[in-house]
Amino acid sequence: MNETRIGILASHHGTTLQAIIDACQVGSLTATLAVVLTNNSQSGAAQRAQRYAIPCHHLSGQTHSTPEALDRAICATLEQHQVTLVLLAGYMKKLGPYTLKHFRGRVLNTHPALLPKFGGHGMYGGRVYEAVLAAGEAMTGVSVHVVEAEYDQGPVIAQCEVPVLAGDTVATLTSRVQERERRFVVEVIQAIVEGRMQWPIIELPCSAVLPPAGGSG
């Protein structure tokens, strides 16, 4: 079995990252957490990576002056750490075309609803839970999907349901969905590691994707 090397992209607290760390440590996830990338050098994710001696890189508009340069750096850093599977864990930026093409079919994201419901641009965090409650849904859940150029438009590879209970508020629903989300993403990645879940995966070297430095693309 080839080693699965996970690269995490995170922007904030890093609670999903912590779930991955914990699962790797106890052996419920038989993969290697290879690197953490963050666009926020003060993020909780960066602090967690440091605490567990996981390689961590701050890559953002502060470190790279153009979106293309940042995209190149993200792709190159993931490749440098021999990442085979990328997980967006509360990462609040779009990935660029070079990274998406190189890791085509190998970038996953979690969404706190049953896509295609309550997805798309601007639908994140509390906005999703507010929309679920406003719609009077009896059931919501967690979706794991392949990341493509547009928000929440990639193929959904796994979903699990979480009931909406009478009297739920945004806070109570958020807590219940997030708790399930952290466990579910570990379950899905382990299914991938074990070969129980497959979808088209295309591997391309960065050299086949990136134009020469200074090129217009």
Protein backbone atom coordinates (compact mmCIF):
# COMPACT_ATOMS: atom_id res chain seq x y z
CA MET A 1 0.00 0.00 0.00
CA ASN A 2 1.44 3.38 -0.98
CA GLU A 3 1.83 5.86 1.86
CA THR A 4 -0.84 8.55 2.04
CA ARG A 5 0.77 11.90 2.84
CA ILE A 6 -1.71 14.59 3.82
CA GLY A 7 -1.27 18.31 3.32
CA ILE A 8 -3.64 20.51 5.33
CA LEU A 9 -4.59 24.06 4.37
CA ALA A 10 -6.17 26.01 7.22
CA SER A 11 -6.95 29.61 8.09
CA HIS A 12 -8.26 29.68 11.65
CA HIS A 13 -8.56 27.54 14.79
CA GLY A 14 -7.38 24.24 13.37
CA THR A 15 -9.93 21.99 15.08
CA THR A 16 -10.18 19.72 12.04
CA LEU A 17 -6.39 19.65 11.91
CA GLN A 18 -6.40 18.56 15.55
CA ALA A 19 -8.81 15.73 14.71
CA ILE A 20 -6.41 14.54 12.00
CA ILE A 21 -3.44 14.78 14.39
CA ASP A 22 -5.27 12.84 17.09
CA ALA A 23 -6.41 10.14 14.66
CA CYS A 24 -2.88 9.67 13.32
CA GLN A 25 -1.50 9.39 16.83
CA VAL A 26 -3.95 6.70 17.95
CA GLY A 27 -3.78 4.81 14.66
CA SER A 28 -7.38 5.26 13.53
CA LEU A 29 -5.94 7.13 10.56
CA THR A 30 -3.01 5.29 8.99
CA ALA A 31 -1.57 8.21 7.07
CA THR A 32 1.21 10.75 7.51
CA LEU A 33 0.41 14.39 8.19
CA ALA A 34 3.14 15.81 5.99
CA VAL A 35 2.65 19.58 6.12
CA VAL A 36 0.33 22.38 7.17
CA LEU A 37 -0.10 25.51 5.06
CA THR A 38 -1.85 28.57 6.43
CA ASN A 39 -2.64 32.02 5.10
CA ASN A 40 -2.70 33.33 8.68
CA SER A 41 0.62 33.18 10.50
CA GLN A 42 -1.15 33.66 13.87
CA SER A 43 -3.77 30.97 13.27
CA GLY A 44 -4.57 28.27 15.75
CA ALA A 45 -3.67 25.80 13.02
CA ALA A 46 -0.12 27.18 12.86
CA GLN A 47 0.17 26.93 16.64
CA ARG A 48 -1.04 23.34 16.63
CA ALA A 49 1.41 22.40 13.90
CA GLN A 50 4.25 23.93 15.90
CA ARG A 51 3.14 22.11 19.06
CA TYR A 52 3.30 18.75 17.28
CA ALA A 53 6.46 19.52 15.24
CA ILE A 54 4.59 19.32 11.93
CA PRO A 55 6.18 21.32 9.10
CA CYS A 56 4.17 24.51 8.68
CA HIS A 57 4.38 27.28 6.09
CA HIS A 58 2.71 30.68 6.06
CA LEU A 59 1.79 31.41 2.44
CA SER A 60 -0.48 34.35 1.70
CA GLY A 61 -0.77 37.68 -0.04
CA GLN A 62 1.71 38.96 2.53
CA THR A 63 4.40 36.52 1.43
CA HIS A 64 3.71 36.59 -2.32
CA SER A 65 2.77 39.71 -4.24
CA THR A 66 0.55 38.15 -6.93
CA PRO A 67 -2.05 35.36 -6.94
CA GLU A 68 0.03 33.46 -9.51
CA ALA A 69 3.15 33.58 -7.35
CA LEU A 70 1.17 32.41 -4.34
CA ASP A 71 -0.40 29.60 -6.35
CA ARG A 72 3.05 28.46 -7.52
CA ALA A 73 4.36 28.50 -3.95
CA ILE A 74 1.45 26.46 -2.59
CA CYS A 75 1.82 23.87 -5.34
CA ALA A 76 5.59 23.66 -4.94
CA THR A 77 5.40 23.38 -1.15
CA LEU A 78 2.89 20.56 -1.27
CA GLU A 79 5.02 18.78 -3.85
CA GLN A 80 8.18 19.37 -1.79
CA HIS A 81 6.58 17.51 1.11
CA GLN A 82 5.45 14.70 -1.23
CA VAL A 83 1.79 15.28 -0.45
CA THR A 84 -0.60 12.81 -2.06
CA LEU A 85 -3.88 14.11 -0.61
CA VAL A 86 -4.79 17.72 0.21
CA LEU A 87 -7.48 18.66 2.72
CA LEU A 88 -8.92 22.14 3.10
CA ALA A 89 -9.73 22.45 6.79
CA GLY A 90 -11.38 25.81 7.27
CA TYR A 91 -9.25 27.38 4.53
CA MET A 92 -10.93 30.62 3.53
CA LYS A 93 -9.29 31.23 0.15
CA LYS A 94 -9.75 29.73 -3.29
CA LEU A 95 -6.94 27.55 -4.56
CA GLY A 96 -5.34 28.69 -7.80
CA PRO A 97 -5.37 26.87 -11.15
CA TYR A 98 -1.82 25.49 -10.93
CA THR A 99 -2.39 23.77 -7.60
CA LEU A 100 -5.82 22.50 -8.63
CA LYS A 101 -4.48 21.07 -11.87
CA HIS A 102 -1.45 19.41 -10.33
CA PHE A 103 -3.51 17.88 -7.52
CA ARG A 104 -6.59 17.33 -9.65
CA GLY A 105 -8.97 14.95 -7.92
CA ARG A 106 -6.80 14.93 -4.79
CA VAL A 107 -7.99 18.09 -3.02
CA LEU A 108 -10.87 17.57 -0.60
CA ASN A 109 -13.00 19.96 1.39
CA THR A 110 -15.70 19.48 4.00
CA HIS A 111 -18.93 21.46 3.95
CA PRO A 112 -21.36 21.61 6.91
CA ALA A 113 -24.51 20.75 4.96
CA LEU A 114 -25.77 18.17 2.52
CA LEU A 115 -24.61 19.60 -0.80
CA PRO A 116 -25.92 20.79 -3.20
CA LYS A 117 -28.11 22.40 -0.53
CA PHE A 118 -26.69 25.46 1.19
CA GLY A 119 -23.45 25.62 -0.77
CA GLY A 120 -21.73 28.10 -3.05
CA HIS A 121 -20.10 31.51 -2.73
CA GLY A 122 -20.60 33.09 0.68
CA MET A 123 -22.01 29.95 2.27
CA TYR A 124 -19.65 29.14 5.10
CA GLY A 125 -19.66 29.02 8.88
CA GLY A 126 -22.69 30.44 10.65
CA ARG A 127 -24.33 31.43 7.37
CA VAL A 128 -24.85 27.77 6.50
CA TYR A 129 -26.44 26.92 9.84
CA GLU A 130 -28.65 30.02 9.71
CA ALA A 131 -29.87 29.01 6.25
CA VAL A 132 -30.57 25.43 7.35
CA LEU A 133 -32.65 26.64 10.30
CA ALA A 134 -34.45 29.29 8.24
CA ALA A 135 -35.43 26.65 5.68
CA GLY A 136 -36.97 24.47 8.37
CA GLU A 137 -34.83 21.47 7.45
CA ALA A 138 -35.32 18.34 9.53
CA MET A 139 -31.92 16.97 8.50
CA THR A 140 -28.58 18.48 7.64
CA GLY A 141 -25.12 16.93 7.75
CA VAL A 142 -21.61 16.95 6.38
CA SER A 143 -20.38 16.65 2.79
CA VAL A 144 -16.88 15.78 1.67
CA HIS A 145 -16.27 16.89 -1.88
CA VAL A 146 -13.50 17.25 -4.43
CA VAL A 147 -12.37 20.86 -4.76
CA GLU A 148 -12.68 22.53 -8.14
CA ALA A 149 -12.43 26.14 -9.28
CA GLU A 150 -15.87 27.21 -7.99
CA TYR A 151 -16.98 27.00 -4.38
CA ASP A 152 -18.64 23.69 -3.44
CA GLN A 153 -19.08 22.61 -7.07
CA GLY A 154 -16.79 19.56 -7.13
CA PRO A 155 -18.13 16.00 -6.95
CA VAL A 156 -19.39 14.92 -3.53
CA ILE A 157 -17.66 11.69 -2.51
CA ALA A 158 -19.27 11.13 0.90
CA GLN A 159 -22.04 12.52 3.08
CA CYS A 160 -23.43 11.84 6.53
CA GLU A 161 -26.63 13.12 8.09
CA VAL A 162 -27.04 15.13 11.28
CA PRO A 163 -30.59 15.75 12.56
CA VAL A 164 -31.90 19.24 13.20
CA LEU A 165 -33.55 19.12 16.61
CA ALA A 166 -36.51 21.08 17.93
CA GLY A 167 -35.24 24.23 19.61
CA ASP A 168 -31.91 24.21 17.81
CA THR A 169 -30.07 27.50 17.57
CA VAL A 170 -27.17 28.34 15.30
CA ALA A 171 -24.85 27.63 18.23
CA THR A 172 -26.28 24.21 19.12
CA LEU A 173 -26.50 23.08 15.50
CA THR A 174 -22.98 24.30 14.79
CA SER A 175 -21.60 22.35 17.73
CA ARG A 176 -23.34 19.12 16.75
CA VAL A 177 -22.44 19.30 13.05
CA GLN A 178 -18.81 20.25 13.72
CA GLU A 179 -18.37 17.39 16.16
CA ARG A 180 -19.62 14.94 13.53
CA GLU A 181 -17.61 16.67 10.80
CA ARG A 182 -14.31 16.12 12.61
CA ARG A 183 -15.01 12.40 13.01
CA PHE A 184 -16.43 12.00 9.51
CA VAL A 185 -13.45 13.47 7.68
CA VAL A 186 -11.17 10.99 9.47
CA GLU A 187 -13.49 8.14 8.48
CA VAL A 188 -13.53 9.23 4.84
CA ILE A 189 -9.76 9.66 4.59
CA GLN A 190 -9.19 6.26 6.20
CA ALA A 191 -11.57 4.72 3.66
CA ILE A 192 -9.45 6.30 0.92
CA VAL A 193 -6.24 5.00 2.52
CA GLU A 194 -7.66 1.48 2.67
CA GLY A 195 -8.90 1.62 -0.92
CA ARG A 196 -12.55 1.37 0.10
CA MET A 197 -13.32 4.69 -1.59
CA GLN A 198 -11.99 5.62 -5.01
CA TRP A 199 -12.61 8.24 -7.64
CA PRO A 200 -10.59 9.38 -10.68
CA ILE A 201 -7.19 10.61 -9.55
CA ILE A 202 -4.87 12.24 -12.06
CA GLU A 203 -1.25 12.97 -11.16
CA LEU A 204 0.69 15.66 -12.98
CA PRO A 205 4.15 17.00 -12.19
CA CYS A 206 4.21 20.72 -11.43
CA SER A 207 6.48 21.19 -14.46
CA ALA A 208 3.61 20.08 -16.68
CA VAL A 209 1.34 22.71 -15.16
CA LEU A 210 3.39 25.78 -14.42
CA PRO A 211 4.68 28.09 -17.12
CA PRO A 212 8.32 29.19 -16.83
CA ALA A 213 9.01 31.75 -14.13
CA GLY A 214 8.08 35.17 -15.39
CA GLY A 215 5.79 33.74 -18.08
CA SER A 216 2.31 35.04 -18.63
CA GLY A 217 0.73 31.58 -18.30
